[in-house]
Protein backbone atom coordinates (compact mmCIF):
# COMPACT_ATOMS: atom_id res chain seq x y z
CA MET A 1 0.00 0.00 0.00
CA ALA A 2 1.29 3.43 -0.92
CA HIS A 3 2.23 5.81 1.85
CA THR A 4 0.86 9.34 1.95
CA THR A 5 3.14 12.38 1.84
CA GLU A 6 2.48 12.90 5.56
CA GLU A 7 3.38 9.30 6.39
CA ILE A 8 6.59 9.52 4.38
CA MET A 9 7.50 12.86 5.98
CA SER A 10 6.81 11.54 9.46
CA GLY A 11 8.70 8.29 8.85
CA LEU A 12 11.66 10.11 7.36
CA ALA A 13 11.77 12.52 10.30
CA GLU A 14 11.79 9.51 12.64
CA LEU A 15 14.69 7.91 10.73
CA ILE A 16 16.65 11.18 10.80
CA THR A 17 16.03 11.55 14.54
CA ASP A 18 17.17 7.96 15.18
CA GLU A 19 20.37 8.48 13.18
CA THR A 20 21.33 12.03 14.18
CA GLY A 21 19.45 12.95 17.34
CA ILE A 22 17.88 15.94 15.54
CA ALA A 23 14.37 16.51 16.93
CA ALA A 24 11.71 15.28 14.52
CA ASP A 25 9.95 18.66 14.62
CA GLN A 26 13.13 20.25 13.23
CA VAL A 27 12.89 18.09 10.11
CA GLU A 28 10.85 20.14 7.64
CA MET A 29 10.24 19.81 3.90
CA ASP A 30 12.37 22.81 2.94
CA LYS A 31 15.39 21.80 5.06
CA SER A 32 18.62 20.85 3.32
CA PHE A 33 20.16 17.63 4.63
CA THR A 34 23.67 19.09 4.65
CA ASP A 35 23.20 22.83 5.17
CA ASP A 36 20.26 22.94 7.60
CA LEU A 37 20.35 19.54 9.30
CA ASP A 38 24.13 19.07 9.14
CA ILE A 39 23.84 15.43 8.06
CA ASP A 40 27.12 13.98 6.76
CA SER A 41 27.42 11.47 3.93
CA ILE A 42 27.79 8.46 6.23
CA SER A 43 24.65 9.33 8.20
CA MET A 44 22.86 10.07 4.94
CA MET A 45 23.66 6.60 3.61
CA THR A 46 22.32 5.04 6.81
CA ILE A 47 19.12 7.10 6.49
CA VAL A 48 18.79 6.04 2.83
CA VAL A 49 19.20 2.33 3.66
CA ASN A 50 16.68 2.60 6.50
CA ALA A 51 14.25 4.54 4.28
CA GLU A 52 14.51 1.86 1.59
CA GLU A 53 13.57 -0.74 4.18
CA LYS A 54 10.82 1.31 5.82
CA PHE A 55 9.11 2.40 2.60
CA ASP A 56 10.01 -0.62 0.43
CA VAL A 57 11.72 1.45 -2.27
CA LYS A 58 15.10 1.28 -3.97
CA ILE A 59 17.12 4.49 -3.92
CA PRO A 60 20.06 4.02 -6.33
CA ASP A 61 23.41 5.37 -5.13
CA ASP A 62 23.61 7.75 -8.08
CA GLU A 63 20.20 9.16 -7.09
CA VAL A 64 21.21 9.95 -3.49
CA LYS A 65 23.28 12.96 -4.61
CA ASN A 66 20.07 14.51 -6.01
CA LEU A 67 18.28 14.29 -2.66
CA LEU A 68 19.36 17.67 -1.32
CA THR A 69 16.32 18.54 0.77
CA VAL A 70 13.82 16.61 2.85
CA LYS A 71 11.23 17.44 0.16
CA ASP A 72 13.45 15.83 -2.53
CA ALA A 73 13.58 12.61 -0.51
CA VAL A 74 9.84 12.61 0.25
CA GLU A 75 8.97 13.18 -3.41
CA PHE A 76 11.40 10.48 -4.57
CA ILE A 77 9.93 7.92 -2.16
CA GLU A 78 6.38 8.95 -3.06
CA LYS A 79 7.06 8.56 -6.80
CA ASN A 80 8.91 5.23 -6.49
CA GLN A 81 6.92 3.33 -3.91
């Protein structure tokens, strides 16, 4: 069953909190993973792997570099689920 945008956003925020300790309410659609949330490439890969598992999607390695904001990730998951 496809997840809604809200479910994806909420789930992604949870994954980011688990990996980085950033409060889930700080994770917003317009936030940049690197600039606003200060997520490094290693943490980002962990988040990607966990998101693939949680939302049953495949996020190719060459696609990860295009996921600059939380919105990019939510839209990618939404489109590919």
